[in-house]
Amino acid sequence: MAITNKALLNYLNKTLKPEAIRDYCPNGLQVEGKQEIERLVTGVTASELLIDSAIELNADAILVHHGYFWKGEDPCVMGMKRNRLKKLMNNDINLYAYHLPLDIHPEFGNNAQLATLLGIESIEGLERDDALSVAKRGQFPQSLSLVEVEKRIAKKLLRAPLVEDAGPSRIKTVAWCTGGGQNYIEEAAEQGIDLFITGEVSEKTIHTAREMNINFIAAGHHATERYGAKALGEHLAEKFLLEVNFVDIDNPA
């Protein structure tokens, strides 16, 4: 089966509602390619390696979490940006990218998918109790030790996380934000959360954890954000009978 690039864009926008949240980049169809889409590649970041994989798979479109045209970046099409765009345009490949809308979606979002992987329940917004909170809070069905959580994350995400043991010995409540969400740790601590999980860590984050008595885990930006685009792609494959391949370009960060 095939779908037009504009019809797919309309469906994605209807599903993810990018107009509802302010973001650091344009969300939607960032690079227009061929009109008919039968084969779709999904991934975390629209790197040159992902584009090369899409070309090898004869894909008509790519769907990612991290696309292009970020606020504050040099707008000139040179070097790395030129190489990426040239390959997309020479091969007539559409590029769809959704950043924060894919983080917060209650079913396909990176945060929702991470919660499912880790067995977190009773999910609500950390910043406010609504669907537009980028960071989330919830709880484990039963209390766990920090070591037990660490082992679960390592098993599910296939990498050893960075762990700071600075809070309660037993963990019931947890807050999290995939990717570069380390700055939400203070809000989590102020709400009395036992553990905060994110992708990245800054030098100051460890001091915050220690001084505000909250356990902290950084499990990798890429590792925590593998699952949103993958889940959304699987949904599109089922709904529109597209050929969809998730390509995981390894990234230790």
Protein backbone atom coordinates (compact mmCIF):
# COMPACT_ATOMS: atom_id res chain seq x y z
CA MET A 1 0.00 0.00 0.00
CA ALA A 2 1.05 3.61 -0.47
CA ILE A 3 0.14 6.95 1.08
CA THR A 4 0.94 10.43 -0.21
CA ASN A 5 3.53 12.45 1.67
CA LYS A 6 0.95 15.14 2.44
CA ALA A 7 -1.59 12.60 3.73
CA LEU A 8 1.04 11.10 6.02
CA LEU A 9 1.98 14.58 7.22
CA ASN A 10 -1.65 15.34 8.01
CA TYR A 11 -2.02 12.10 9.95
CA LEU A 12 1.17 12.65 11.92
CA ASN A 13 0.18 16.22 12.78
CA LYS A 14 -3.29 15.09 13.85
CA THR A 15 -1.75 12.38 16.03
CA LEU A 16 1.14 14.32 17.60
CA LYS A 17 -0.42 17.83 17.68
CA PRO A 18 2.81 19.83 17.29
CA GLU A 19 0.90 23.13 17.39
CA ALA A 20 0.10 22.52 21.08
CA ILE A 21 3.67 22.90 22.36
CA ARG A 22 6.52 25.34 21.81
CA ASP A 23 9.64 23.66 20.48
CA TYR A 24 13.22 24.33 19.41
CA CYS A 25 12.75 23.23 15.80
CA PRO A 26 10.06 22.87 13.14
CA ASN A 27 7.99 19.70 13.52
CA GLY A 28 6.55 17.84 10.56
CA LEU A 29 7.80 17.45 7.00
CA GLN A 30 11.23 19.09 7.07
CA VAL A 31 12.43 17.95 3.65
CA GLU A 32 9.96 17.13 0.88
CA GLY A 33 10.62 14.13 -1.34
CA LYS A 34 8.59 11.90 -3.61
CA GLN A 35 4.81 12.13 -3.44
CA GLU A 36 4.02 8.44 -2.89
CA ILE A 37 5.35 6.63 0.19
CA GLU A 38 5.47 2.84 0.45
CA ARG A 39 8.69 2.29 2.44
CA LEU A 40 9.50 4.17 5.62
CA VAL A 41 12.63 4.13 7.78
CA THR A 42 12.40 5.25 11.41
CA GLY A 43 15.26 6.19 13.70
CA VAL A 44 16.34 8.52 16.50
CA THR A 45 18.40 11.08 14.57
CA ALA A 46 18.55 12.03 10.90
CA SER A 47 22.29 11.42 10.71
CA GLU A 48 24.10 10.68 7.47
CA LEU A 49 24.38 7.02 8.51
CA LEU A 50 20.61 6.80 8.90
CA ILE A 51 20.12 8.42 5.50
CA ASP A 52 22.57 5.94 3.96
CA SER A 53 20.58 3.09 5.50
CA ALA A 54 17.35 4.53 4.09
CA ILE A 55 18.92 4.73 0.64
CA GLU A 56 20.03 1.09 0.89
CA LEU A 57 16.50 0.08 1.89
CA ASN A 58 15.05 2.08 -1.00
CA ALA A 59 12.96 4.09 1.46
CA ASP A 60 10.61 6.84 0.35
CA ALA A 61 10.63 8.59 3.70
CA ILE A 62 12.43 8.83 7.04
CA LEU A 63 10.74 9.54 10.38
CA VAL A 64 12.94 10.67 13.29
CA HIS A 65 12.91 12.36 16.68
CA HIS A 66 15.93 14.58 16.01
CA GLY A 67 15.67 16.34 12.67
CA TYR A 68 17.14 19.61 11.39
CA PHE A 69 16.85 23.41 11.55
CA TRP A 70 17.28 23.93 15.29
CA LYS A 71 16.91 27.39 16.80
CA GLY A 72 20.24 29.20 16.96
CA GLU A 73 22.06 26.97 14.49
CA ASP A 74 23.91 28.39 11.47
CA PRO A 75 21.36 28.47 8.63
CA CYS A 76 23.98 28.13 5.91
CA VAL A 77 23.84 24.86 3.95
CA MET A 78 27.47 23.81 4.17
CA GLY A 79 29.56 20.84 5.30
CA MET A 80 27.64 18.21 7.25
CA LYS A 81 24.26 19.88 6.65
CA ARG A 82 24.94 20.06 2.90
CA ASN A 83 25.91 16.39 2.73
CA ARG A 84 22.78 15.26 4.57
CA LEU A 85 20.39 17.42 2.56
CA LYS A 86 22.06 16.52 -0.72
CA LYS A 87 21.57 12.80 -0.11
CA LEU A 88 17.94 13.29 0.87
CA MET A 89 17.15 15.43 -2.14
CA ASN A 90 19.18 13.42 -4.67
CA ASN A 91 17.24 10.32 -3.60
CA ASP A 92 13.89 12.10 -3.32
CA ILE A 93 13.43 11.02 0.31
CA ASN A 94 10.92 12.77 2.58
CA LEU A 95 12.15 13.65 6.07
CA TYR A 96 9.62 13.89 8.91
CA ALA A 97 10.83 14.97 12.35
CA TYR A 98 8.96 15.43 15.62
CA HIS A 99 10.85 16.54 18.72
CA LEU A 100 8.86 17.45 21.86
CA PRO A 101 5.56 16.22 20.39
CA LEU A 102 7.12 12.76 20.18
CA ASP A 103 8.49 13.03 23.71
CA ILE A 104 5.13 13.74 25.31
CA HIS A 105 2.65 11.65 23.31
CA PRO A 106 0.79 9.40 25.80
CA GLU A 107 1.09 6.26 23.66
CA PHE A 108 3.92 6.61 21.13
CA GLY A 109 6.02 9.14 23.05
CA ASN A 110 9.55 8.48 24.25
CA ASN A 111 8.50 9.02 27.87
CA ALA A 112 5.50 6.70 27.56
CA GLN A 113 7.56 4.01 25.86
CA LEU A 114 10.30 4.21 28.51
CA ALA A 115 7.69 3.92 31.24
CA THR A 116 6.31 0.77 29.62
CA LEU A 117 9.79 -0.75 29.34
CA LEU A 118 10.59 -0.04 32.99
CA GLY A 119 7.18 -0.96 34.40
CA ILE A 120 6.24 2.51 35.65
CA GLU A 121 2.54 3.10 36.38
CA SER A 122 0.17 5.92 37.42
CA ILE A 123 1.74 8.39 35.01
CA GLU A 124 1.07 12.12 35.22
CA GLY A 125 2.90 15.33 34.39
CA LEU A 126 5.78 16.42 36.60
CA GLU A 127 5.53 20.12 35.72
CA ARG A 128 1.75 20.14 35.79
CA ASP A 129 -0.88 17.47 35.74
CA ASP A 130 -1.61 17.53 32.02
CA ALA A 131 -0.48 15.92 28.79
CA LEU A 132 1.84 18.80 27.81
CA SER A 133 4.31 18.27 30.64
CA VAL A 134 7.60 17.23 29.05
CA ALA A 135 8.79 15.47 32.20
CA LYS A 136 6.63 12.78 33.81
CA ARG A 137 6.14 11.22 37.22
CA GLY A 138 4.76 7.86 38.28
CA GLN A 139 5.54 4.89 40.48
CA PHE A 140 6.65 1.30 40.45
CA PRO A 141 4.01 -1.29 41.48
CA GLN A 142 6.22 -2.22 44.41
CA SER A 143 9.24 -0.54 45.94
CA LEU A 144 12.66 -1.43 44.52
CA SER A 145 16.23 -0.88 45.57
CA LEU A 146 18.36 1.42 43.42
CA VAL A 147 20.42 -1.60 42.38
CA GLU A 148 17.27 -3.37 41.19
CA VAL A 149 16.29 -0.35 39.09
CA GLU A 150 19.81 -0.07 37.71
CA LYS A 151 19.77 -3.72 36.64
CA ARG A 152 16.34 -3.33 35.02
CA ILE A 153 17.51 -0.32 33.01
CA ALA A 154 20.71 -2.05 31.92
CA LYS A 155 18.72 -5.07 30.75
CA LYS A 156 16.02 -3.11 28.92
CA LEU A 157 18.22 -0.40 27.36
CA LEU A 158 21.22 -2.64 26.70
CA ARG A 159 23.71 -0.34 28.39
CA ALA A 160 25.02 0.33 31.89
CA PRO A 161 23.60 3.61 33.23
CA LEU A 162 25.34 6.22 35.37
CA VAL A 163 23.91 6.01 38.89
CA GLU A 164 24.11 8.40 41.83
CA ASP A 165 22.89 6.90 45.12
CA ALA A 166 21.77 10.04 46.92
CA GLY A 167 18.19 9.42 48.02
CA PRO A 168 15.94 6.92 49.79
CA SER A 169 17.12 3.32 50.03
CA ARG A 170 13.79 2.04 48.66
CA ILE A 171 12.28 3.52 45.52
CA LYS A 172 8.55 3.78 44.89
CA THR A 173 8.03 7.13 43.17
CA VAL A 174 9.97 8.02 40.03
CA ALA A 175 10.16 11.00 37.67
CA TRP A 176 11.77 10.91 34.27
CA CYS A 177 12.44 12.82 31.07
CA THR A 178 14.13 11.10 28.14
CA GLY A 179 17.07 12.70 26.35
CA GLY A 180 18.61 15.85 27.79
CA GLY A 181 16.17 16.32 30.65
CA GLN A 182 18.60 16.54 33.57
CA ASN A 183 17.44 20.03 34.58
CA TYR A 184 14.10 18.62 35.76
CA ILE A 185 15.83 16.97 38.72
CA GLU A 186 15.22 19.94 41.02
CA GLU A 187 11.48 19.89 40.37
CA ALA A 188 11.42 16.16 41.00
CA ALA A 189 13.30 16.59 44.27
CA GLU A 190 10.98 19.40 45.39
CA GLN A 191 8.03 17.05 44.89
CA GLY A 192 9.63 14.38 47.10
CA ILE A 193 10.30 11.91 44.29
CA ASP A 194 12.58 8.98 45.20
CA LEU A 195 14.38 8.69 41.84
CA PHE A 196 14.89 10.82 38.75
CA ILE A 197 15.80 9.16 35.43
CA THR A 198 16.93 10.94 32.28
CA GLY A 199 19.29 10.48 29.36
CA GLU A 200 22.13 12.90 30.02
CA VAL A 201 24.04 14.21 33.03
CA SER A 202 25.68 17.59 33.64
CA GLU A 203 28.36 18.21 36.24
CA LYS A 204 25.95 20.17 38.40
CA THR A 205 23.33 17.40 38.31
CA ILE A 206 25.29 15.20 40.71
CA HIS A 207 25.60 18.00 43.23
CA THR A 208 21.88 18.66 42.95
CA ALA A 209 21.09 15.00 43.59
CA ARG A 210 23.34 14.89 46.64
CA GLU A 211 22.18 18.17 48.15
CA MET A 212 18.46 17.57 47.49
CA ASN A 213 18.55 13.90 48.52
CA ILE A 214 17.22 12.28 45.38
CA ASN A 215 18.54 9.22 43.56
CA PHE A 216 19.62 9.90 39.97
CA ILE A 217 20.17 7.77 36.88
CA ALA A 218 21.44 8.91 33.46
CA ALA A 219 20.74 6.10 30.99
CA GLY A 220 21.85 7.73 27.73
CA HIS A 221 20.19 10.28 25.44
CA HIS A 222 20.02 7.90 22.50
CA ALA A 223 19.17 4.85 24.60
CA THR A 224 16.20 6.50 26.29
CA GLU A 225 14.85 7.87 23.00
CA ARG A 226 15.02 4.77 20.80
CA TYR A 227 11.46 3.76 21.33
CA GLY A 228 9.16 6.62 20.33
CA ALA A 229 9.91 6.70 16.61
CA LYS A 230 10.00 2.90 16.60
CA ALA A 231 6.54 2.61 18.18
CA LEU A 232 5.09 5.27 15.90
CA GLY A 233 6.55 3.54 12.85
CA GLU A 234 5.03 0.22 13.87
CA HIS A 235 1.66 1.94 14.23
CA LEU A 236 1.97 3.47 10.74
CA ALA A 237 2.92 0.09 9.28
CA GLU A 238 -0.23 -1.46 10.70
CA LYS A 239 -2.58 1.40 9.86
CA PHE A 240 -1.41 2.13 6.31
CA LEU A 241 0.20 -1.22 5.42
CA LEU A 242 3.55 0.44 4.81
CA GLU A 243 6.90 -1.34 4.83
CA VAL A 244 8.61 0.14 7.90
CA ASN A 245 12.13 -0.52 9.15
CA PHE A 246 13.50 0.84 12.42
CA VAL A 247 17.25 1.44 12.03
CA ASP A 248 19.15 1.85 15.29
CA ILE A 249 22.35 3.79 14.61
CA ASP A 250 24.39 3.03 17.73
CA ASN A 251 25.33 6.06 19.82
CA PRO A 252 26.94 5.77 23.27
CA ALA A 253 25.89 9.31 24.28
